[in-house]
PDB file of N, CA and C in Angstrom:
ATOM      1  N   MET A   1       2.926  26.934 -10.219  1.00  0.00           N
ATOM      2  CA  MET A   1       4.077  27.465  -9.518  1.00  0.00           C
ATOM      3  C   MET A   1       5.080  26.320  -9.357  1.00  0.00           C
ATOM      4  N   SER A   2       6.334  26.589  -9.603  1.00  0.00           N
ATOM      5  CA  SER A   2       7.353  25.563  -9.551  1.00  0.00           C
ATOM      6  C   SER A   2       8.575  26.082  -8.803  1.00  0.00           C
ATOM      7  N   TYR A   3       9.156  25.225  -7.987  1.00  0.00           N
ATOM      8  CA  TYR A   3      10.361  25.573  -7.238  1.00  0.00           C
ATOM      9  C   TYR A   3      11.437  24.531  -7.523  1.00  0.00           C
ATOM     10  N   ASP A   4      12.668  24.943  -7.539  1.00  0.00           N
ATOM     11  CA  ASP A   4      13.785  24.019  -7.684  1.00  0.00           C
ATOM     12  C   ASP A   4      14.366  23.747  -6.312  1.00  0.00           C
ATOM     13  N   GLY A   5      14.940  22.565  -6.169  1.00  0.00           N
ATOM     14  CA  GLY A   5      15.544  22.216  -4.897  1.00  0.00           C
ATOM     15  C   GLY A   5      16.396  20.974  -5.053  1.00  0.00           C
ATOM     16  N   HIS A   6      16.824  20.453  -3.921  1.00  0.00           N
ATOM     17  CA  HIS A   6      17.658  19.255  -3.909  1.00  0.00           C
ATOM     18  C   HIS A   6      17.426  18.513  -2.589  1.00  0.00           C
ATOM     19  N   VAL A   7      17.944  17.298  -2.520  1.00  0.00           N
ATOM     20  CA  VAL A   7      17.808  16.497  -1.307  1.00  0.00           C
ATOM     21  C   VAL A   7      19.095  16.625  -0.517  1.00  0.00           C
ATOM     22  N   GLU A   8      18.928  16.893   0.772  1.00  0.00           N
ATOM     23  CA  GLU A   8      20.074  17.052   1.663  1.00  0.00           C
ATOM     24  C   GLU A   8      19.783  16.269   2.943  1.00  0.00           C
ATOM     25  N   ASN A   9      20.585  15.250   3.229  1.00  0.00           N
ATOM     26  CA  ASN A   9      20.388  14.416   4.416  1.00  0.00           C
ATOM     27  C   ASN A   9      18.972  13.854   4.489  1.00  0.00           C
ATOM     28  N   GLY A  10      18.419  13.460   3.329  1.00  0.00           N
ATOM     29  CA  GLY A  10      17.096  12.860   3.300  1.00  0.00           C
ATOM     30  C   GLY A  10      15.944  13.851   3.332  1.00  0.00           C
ATOM     31  N   HIS A  11      16.229  15.153   3.312  1.00  0.00           N
ATOM     32  CA  HIS A  11      15.184  16.176   3.343  1.00  0.00           C
ATOM     33  C   HIS A  11      15.251  16.997   2.063  1.00  0.00           C
ATOM     34  N   ILE A  12      14.091  17.455   1.613  1.00  0.00           N
ATOM     35  CA  ILE A  12      14.041  18.306   0.428  1.00  0.00           C
ATOM     36  C   ILE A  12      14.294  19.741   0.855  1.00  0.00           C
ATOM     37  N   VAL A  13      15.260  20.355   0.193  1.00  0.00           N
ATOM     38  CA  VAL A  13      15.631  21.744   0.491  1.00  0.00           C
ATOM     39  C   VAL A  13      15.414  22.560  -0.776  1.00  0.00           C
ATOM     40  N   LEU A  14      14.603  23.607  -0.665  1.00  0.00           N
ATOM     41  CA  LEU A  14      14.373  24.473  -1.819  1.00  0.00           C
ATOM     42  C   LEU A  14      15.583  25.358  -2.054  1.00  0.00           C
ATOM     43  N   ASP A  15      15.946  25.564  -3.322  1.00  0.00           N
ATOM     44  CA  ASP A  15      17.081  26.423  -3.647  1.00  0.00           C
ATOM     45  C   ASP A  15      16.765  27.887  -3.355  1.00  0.00           C
ATOM     46  N   THR A  16      15.513  28.264  -3.540  1.00  0.00           N
ATOM     47  CA  THR A  16      15.062  29.624  -3.233  1.00  0.00           C
ATOM     48  C   THR A  16      14.002  29.528  -2.150  1.00  0.00           C
ATOM     49  N   PRO A  17      14.139  30.261  -1.056  1.00  0.00           N
ATOM     50  CA  PRO A  17      13.138  30.175   0.017  1.00  0.00           C
ATOM     51  C   PRO A  17      11.741  30.509  -0.498  1.00  0.00           C
ATOM     52  N   ALA A  18      10.740  29.832   0.029  1.00  0.00           N
ATOM     53  CA  ALA A  18       9.357  30.077  -0.377  1.00  0.00           C
ATOM     54  C   ALA A  18       8.480  30.099   0.863  1.00  0.00           C
ATOM     55  N   GLU A  19       7.501  30.967   0.850  1.00  0.00           N
ATOM     56  CA  GLU A  19       6.532  31.063   1.940  1.00  0.00           C
ATOM     57  C   GLU A  19       5.322  30.210   1.569  1.00  0.00           C
ATOM     58  N   LEU A  20       5.338  28.970   2.024  1.00  0.00           N
ATOM     59  CA  LEU A  20       4.225  28.074   1.745  1.00  0.00           C
ATOM     60  C   LEU A  20       3.414  27.886   3.017  1.00  0.00           C
ATOM     61  N   PRO A  21       2.091  27.956   2.919  1.00  0.00           N
ATOM     62  CA  PRO A  21       1.268  27.816   4.120  1.00  0.00           C
ATOM     63  C   PRO A  21       1.295  26.372   4.618  1.00  0.00           C
ATOM     64  N   ASP A  22       1.120  26.202   5.921  1.00  0.00           N
ATOM     65  CA  ASP A  22       1.036  24.858   6.483  1.00  0.00           C
ATOM     66  C   ASP A  22      -0.114  24.104   5.823  1.00  0.00           C
ATOM     67  N   GLY A  23       0.131  22.848   5.523  1.00  0.00           N
ATOM     68  CA  GLY A  23      -0.894  22.023   4.912  1.00  0.00           C
ATOM     69  C   GLY A  23      -0.996  22.167   3.402  1.00  0.00           C
ATOM     70  N   ALA A  24      -0.132  23.008   2.809  1.00  0.00           N
ATOM     71  CA  ALA A  24      -0.181  23.169   1.351  1.00  0.00           C
ATOM     72  C   ALA A  24       0.178  21.840   0.686  1.00  0.00           C
ATOM     73  N   LYS A  25      -0.566  21.469  -0.327  1.00  0.00           N
ATOM     74  CA  LYS A  25      -0.284  20.237  -1.065  1.00  0.00           C
ATOM     75  C   LYS A  25       0.833  20.535  -2.060  1.00  0.00           C
ATOM     76  N   VAL A  26       1.769  19.589  -2.161  1.00  0.00           N
ATOM     77  CA  VAL A  26       2.896  19.755  -3.071  1.00  0.00           C
ATOM     78  C   VAL A  26       3.070  18.488  -3.903  1.00  0.00           C
ATOM     79  N   ARG A  27       3.740  18.630  -5.030  1.00  0.00           N
ATOM     80  CA  ARG A  27       4.082  17.489  -5.874  1.00  0.00           C
ATOM     81  C   ARG A  27       5.575  17.569  -6.142  1.00  0.00           C
ATOM     82  N   ILE A  28       6.236  16.418  -6.037  1.00  0.00           N
ATOM     83  CA  ILE A  28       7.678  16.370  -6.258  1.00  0.00           C
ATOM     84  C   ILE A  28       7.927  15.507  -7.488  1.00  0.00           C
ATOM     85  N   ASP A  29       8.595  16.071  -8.487  1.00  0.00           N
ATOM     86  CA  ASP A  29       8.986  15.337  -9.682  1.00  0.00           C
ATOM     87  C   ASP A  29      10.499  15.257  -9.690  1.00  0.00           C
ATOM     88  N   LEU A  30      11.029  14.043  -9.869  1.00  0.00           N
ATOM     89  CA  LEU A  30      12.473  13.894  -9.940  1.00  0.00           C
ATOM     90  C   LEU A  30      12.957  14.327 -11.316  1.00  0.00           C
ATOM     91  N   VAL A  31      14.028  15.077 -11.327  1.00  0.00           N
ATOM     92  CA  VAL A  31      14.619  15.548 -12.572  1.00  0.00           C
ATOM     93  C   VAL A  31      15.798  14.645 -12.888  1.00  0.00           C
ATOM     94  N   PRO A  32      15.794  13.996 -14.070  1.00  0.00           N
ATOM     95  CA  PRO A  32      16.909  13.104 -14.393  1.00  0.00           C
ATOM     96  C   PRO A  32      18.210  13.892 -14.566  1.00  0.00           C
ATOM     97  N   THR A  33      19.291  13.264 -14.142  1.00  0.00           N
ATOM     98  CA  THR A  33      20.604  13.880 -14.296  1.00  0.00           C
ATOM     99  C   THR A  33      21.416  13.065 -15.287  1.00  0.00           C
ATOM    100  N   GLU A  34      22.594  13.523 -15.611  1.00  0.00           N
ATOM    101  CA  GLU A  34      23.447  12.833 -16.577  1.00  0.00           C
ATOM    102  C   GLU A  34      23.822  11.431 -16.096  1.00  0.00           C
ATOM    103  N   ASN A  35      23.927  11.225 -14.796  1.00  0.00           N
ATOM    104  CA  ASN A  35      24.359   9.936 -14.242  1.00  0.00           C
ATOM    105  C   ASN A  35      23.228   8.922 -14.128  1.00  0.00           C
ATOM    106  N   ASP A  36      21.976   9.372 -14.305  1.00  0.00           N
ATOM    107  CA  ASP A  36      20.842   8.461 -14.173  1.00  0.00           C
ATOM    108  C   ASP A  36      20.802   7.495 -15.350  1.00  0.00           C
ATOM    109  N   THR A  37      20.420   6.264 -15.061  1.00  0.00           N
ATOM    110  CA  THR A  37      20.238   5.285 -16.118  1.00  0.00           C
ATOM    111  C   THR A  37      18.745   5.057 -16.294  1.00  0.00           C
ATOM    112  N   ALA A  38      18.347   4.645 -17.460  1.00  0.00           N
ATOM    113  CA  ALA A  38      16.941   4.385 -17.732  1.00  0.00           C
ATOM    114  C   ALA A  38      16.481   3.196 -16.894  1.00  0.00           C
ATOM    115  N   PRO A  39      15.266   3.251 -16.365  1.00  0.00           N
ATOM    116  CA  PRO A  39      14.777   2.129 -15.572  1.00  0.00           C
ATOM    117  C   PRO A  39      14.659   0.892 -16.462  1.00  0.00           C
ATOM    118  N   GLU A  40      14.972  -0.251 -15.884  1.00  0.00           N
ATOM    119  CA  GLU A  40      14.902  -1.491 -16.631  1.00  0.00           C
ATOM    120  C   GLU A  40      13.447  -1.891 -16.797  1.00  0.00           C
ATOM    121  N   THR A  41      13.074  -2.220 -18.024  1.00  0.00           N
ATOM    122  CA  THR A  41      11.712  -2.681 -18.245  1.00  0.00           C
ATOM    123  C   THR A  41      11.682  -4.189 -18.035  1.00  0.00           C
ATOM    124  N   PRO A  42      10.612  -4.687 -17.432  1.00  0.00           N
ATOM    125  CA  PRO A  42      10.539  -6.132 -17.196  1.00  0.00           C
ATOM    126  C   PRO A  42      10.421  -6.868 -18.522  1.00  0.00           C
ATOM    127  N   PRO A  43      10.854  -8.113 -18.568  1.00  0.00           N
ATOM    128  CA  PRO A  43      10.762  -8.867 -19.822  1.00  0.00           C
ATOM    129  C   PRO A  43       9.304  -9.115 -20.203  1.00  0.00           C
ATOM    130  N   THR A  44       9.047  -9.191 -21.493  1.00  0.00           N
ATOM    131  CA  THR A  44       7.701  -9.481 -21.964  1.00  0.00           C
ATOM    132  C   THR A  44       7.381 -10.953 -21.729  1.00  0.00           C
ATOM    133  N   PHE A  45       6.119 -11.306 -21.906  1.00  0.00           N
ATOM    134  CA  PHE A  45       5.688 -12.695 -21.761  1.00  0.00           C
ATOM    135  C   PHE A  45       6.469 -13.566 -22.738  1.00  0.00           C
ATOM    136  N   TYR A  46       6.612 -13.093 -23.974  1.00  0.00           N
ATOM    137  CA  TYR A  46       7.366 -13.839 -24.983  1.00  0.00           C
ATOM    138  C   TYR A  46       8.812 -14.046 -24.548  1.00  0.00           C
ATOM    139  N   GLU A  47       9.451 -13.007 -24.059  1.00  0.00           N
ATOM    140  CA  GLU A  47      10.860 -13.118 -23.654  1.00  0.00           C
ATOM    141  C   GLU A  47      11.032 -14.110 -22.503  1.00  0.00           C
ATOM    142  N   ARG A  48      10.067 -14.150 -21.589  1.00  0.00           N
ATOM    143  CA  ARG A  48      10.168 -15.066 -20.452  1.00  0.00           C
ATOM    144  C   ARG A  48      10.021 -16.524 -20.874  1.00  0.00           C
ATOM    145  N   TYR A  49       9.175 -16.787 -21.882  1.00  0.00           N
ATOM    146  CA  TYR A  49       8.838 -18.171 -22.201  1.00  0.00           C
ATOM    147  C   TYR A  49       9.279 -18.613 -23.590  1.00  0.00           C
ATOM    148  N   LYS A  50      10.106 -17.823 -24.292  1.00  0.00           N
ATOM    149  CA  LYS A  50      10.500 -18.189 -25.652  1.00  0.00           C
ATOM    150  C   LYS A  50      11.301 -19.492 -25.699  1.00  0.00           C
ATOM    151  N   HIS A  51      11.944 -19.845 -24.611  1.00  0.00           N
ATOM    152  CA  HIS A  51      12.705 -21.097 -24.582  1.00  0.00           C
ATOM    153  C   HIS A  51      11.793 -22.329 -24.634  1.00  0.00           C
ATOM    154  N   LEU A  52      10.490 -22.148 -24.420  1.00  0.00           N
ATOM    155  CA  LEU A  52       9.551 -23.266 -24.456  1.00  0.00           C
ATOM    156  C   LEU A  52       8.889 -23.443 -25.822  1.00  0.00           C
ATOM    157  N   ILE A  53       9.024 -22.451 -26.702  1.00  0.00           N
ATOM    158  CA  ILE A  53       8.368 -22.526 -28.005  1.00  0.00           C
ATOM    159  C   ILE A  53       8.896 -23.737 -28.775  1.00  0.00           C
ATOM    160  N   GLY A  54       7.968 -24.541 -29.270  1.00  0.00           N
ATOM    161  CA  GLY A  54       8.324 -25.703 -30.078  1.00  0.00           C
ATOM    162  C   GLY A  54       8.769 -26.917 -29.281  1.00  0.00           C
ATOM    163  N   LYS A  55       8.700 -26.909 -27.981  1.00  0.00           N
ATOM    164  CA  LYS A  55       9.161 -28.040 -27.160  1.00  0.00           C
ATOM    165  C   LYS A  55       8.156 -29.184 -27.088  1.00  0.00           C
ATOM    166  N   ALA A  56       6.858 -28.897 -27.202  1.00  0.00           N
ATOM    167  CA  ALA A  56       5.842 -29.951 -27.104  1.00  0.00           C
ATOM    168  C   ALA A  56       5.849 -30.767 -28.397  1.00  0.00           C
ATOM    169  N   GLU A  57       5.947 -32.078 -28.251  1.00  0.00           N
ATOM    170  CA  GLU A  57       5.983 -32.964 -29.415  1.00  0.00           C
ATOM    171  C   GLU A  57       4.946 -34.058 -29.253  1.00  0.00           C
ATOM    172  N   ASN A  58       4.509 -34.609 -30.381  1.00  0.00           N
ATOM    173  CA  ASN A  58       3.589 -35.752 -30.424  1.00  0.00           C
ATOM    174  C   ASN A  58       2.264 -35.492 -29.705  1.00  0.00           C
ATOM    175  N   LEU A  59       1.748 -34.279 -29.816  1.00  0.00           N
ATOM    176  CA  LEU A  59       0.447 -33.977 -29.219  1.00  0.00           C
ATOM    177  C   LEU A  59      -0.659 -34.295 -30.213  1.00  0.00           C
ATOM    178  N   PRO A  60      -1.866 -34.642 -29.731  1.00  0.00           N
ATOM    179  CA  PRO A  60      -2.990 -34.872 -30.646  1.00  0.00           C
ATOM    180  C   PRO A  60      -3.297 -33.586 -31.430  1.00  0.00           C
ATOM    181  N   PRO A  61      -3.827 -33.711 -32.641  1.00  0.00           N
ATOM    182  CA  PRO A  61      -4.089 -32.516 -33.457  1.00  0.00           C
ATOM    183  C   PRO A  61      -5.113 -31.560 -32.845  1.00  0.00           C
ATOM    184  N   ASP A  62      -5.992 -32.052 -31.972  1.00  0.00           N
ATOM    185  CA  ASP A  62      -6.990 -31.179 -31.347  1.00  0.00           C
ATOM    186  C   ASP A  62      -6.599 -30.780 -29.918  1.00  0.00           C
ATOM    187  N   PHE A  63      -5.353 -30.862 -29.587  1.00  0.00           N
ATOM    188  CA  PHE A  63      -4.919 -30.579 -28.207  1.00  0.00           C
ATOM    189  C   PHE A  63      -5.251 -29.153 -27.777  1.00  0.00           C
ATOM    190  N   SER A  64      -5.126 -28.188 -28.691  1.00  0.00           N
ATOM    191  CA  SER A  64      -5.387 -26.799 -28.304  1.00  0.00           C
ATOM    192  C   SER A  64      -6.838 -26.591 -27.881  1.00  0.00           C
ATOM    193  N   VAL A  65      -7.747 -27.368 -28.464  1.00  0.00           N
ATOM    194  CA  VAL A  65      -9.164 -27.244 -28.125  1.00  0.00           C
ATOM    195  C   VAL A  65      -9.526 -28.135 -26.937  1.00  0.00           C
ATOM    196  N   ASN A  66      -8.908 -29.312 -26.865  1.00  0.00           N
ATOM    197  CA  ASN A  66      -9.285 -30.308 -25.859  1.00  0.00           C
ATOM    198  C   ASN A  66      -8.216 -30.573 -24.809  1.00  0.00           C
ATOM    199  N   HIS A  67      -7.410 -29.577 -24.474  1.00  0.00           N
ATOM    200  CA  HIS A  67      -6.343 -29.804 -23.489  1.00  0.00           C
ATOM    201  C   HIS A  67      -6.892 -30.250 -22.151  1.00  0.00           C
ATOM    202  N   ASP A  68      -8.065 -29.728 -21.752  1.00  0.00           N
ATOM    203  CA  ASP A  68      -8.646 -30.164 -20.476  1.00  0.00           C
ATOM    204  C   ASP A  68      -9.038 -31.646 -20.525  1.00  0.00           C
ATOM    205  N   HIS A  69      -9.488 -32.097 -21.678  1.00  0.00           N
ATOM    206  CA  HIS A  69      -9.825 -33.512 -21.818  1.00  0.00           C
ATOM    207  C   HIS A  69      -8.582 -34.388 -21.631  1.00  0.00           C
ATOM    208  N   TYR A  70      -7.489 -33.996 -22.296  1.00  0.00           N
ATOM    209  CA  TYR A  70      -6.273 -34.801 -22.232  1.00  0.00           C
ATOM    210  C   TYR A  70      -5.562 -34.685 -20.876  1.00  0.00           C
ATOM    211  N   LEU A  71      -5.697 -33.550 -20.227  1.00  0.00           N
ATOM    212  CA  LEU A  71      -5.033 -33.366 -18.929  1.00  0.00           C
ATOM    213  C   LEU A  71      -5.871 -33.862 -17.754  1.00  0.00           C
ATOM    214  N   TYR A  72      -7.209 -33.594 -17.801  1.00  0.00           N
ATOM    215  CA  TYR A  72      -8.038 -33.846 -16.620  1.00  0.00           C
ATOM    216  C   TYR A  72      -9.195 -34.805 -16.875  1.00  0.00           C
ATOM    217  N   GLY A  73      -9.385 -35.248 -18.119  1.00  0.00           N
ATOM    218  CA  GLY A  73     -10.452 -36.190 -18.414  1.00  0.00           C
ATOM    219  C   GLY A  73     -11.820 -35.568 -18.587  1.00  0.00           C
ATOM    220  N   THR A  74     -11.927 -34.273 -18.766  1.00  0.00           N
ATOM    221  CA  THR A  74     -13.225 -33.647 -18.997  1.00  0.00           C
ATOM    222  C   THR A  74     -13.735 -34.049 -20.375  1.00  0.00           C
ATOM    223  N   PRO A  75     -15.025 -33.915 -20.638  1.00  0.00           N
ATOM    224  CA  PRO A  75     -15.559 -34.281 -21.964  1.00  0.00           C
ATOM    225  C   PRO A  75     -14.884 -33.448 -23.064  1.00  0.00           C
ATOM    226  N   LYS A  76     -14.726 -34.072 -24.237  1.00  0.00           N
ATOM    227  CA  LYS A  76     -14.116 -33.390 -25.376  1.00  0.00           C
ATOM    228  C   LYS A  76     -15.016 -32.279 -25.885  1.00  0.00           C
ATOM    229  N   GLN A  77     -14.389 -31.205 -26.353  1.00  0.00           N
ATOM    230  CA  GLN A  77     -15.094 -30.088 -26.976  1.00  0.00           C
ATOM    231  C   GLN A  77     -15.083 -30.307 -28.481  1.00  0.00           C
ATOM    232  N   SER A  78     -16.104 -29.839 -29.162  1.00  0.00           N
ATOM    233  CA  SER A  78     -16.084 -29.945 -30.621  1.00  0.00           C
ATOM    234  C   SER A  78     -15.348 -28.728 -31.171  1.00  0.00           C
ATOM    235  N   PRO A  79     -14.514 -28.931 -32.187  1.00  0.00           N
ATOM    236  CA  PRO A  79     -13.705 -27.813 -32.724  1.00  0.00           C
ATOM    237  C   PRO A  79     -14.478 -26.746 -33.384  1.00  0.00           C
TER     238      PRO A  79
END
């Protein structure tokens, strides 16, 4: 069962009166209008950090495997 309505002074008003029992569960879906804009999607991980790509220079060849060793002194891992 579906009813149409609108918001008036912060309250939902049905366009056609309906006899709904107290405590009836309802679901409200917003209907997009011509003036609505699409919600902005958040930037991806790549978009947020693309300015850092290629910035690290002169790193040891095994840095990707042994970064903890070079940063914190932990024992080296074998590749």
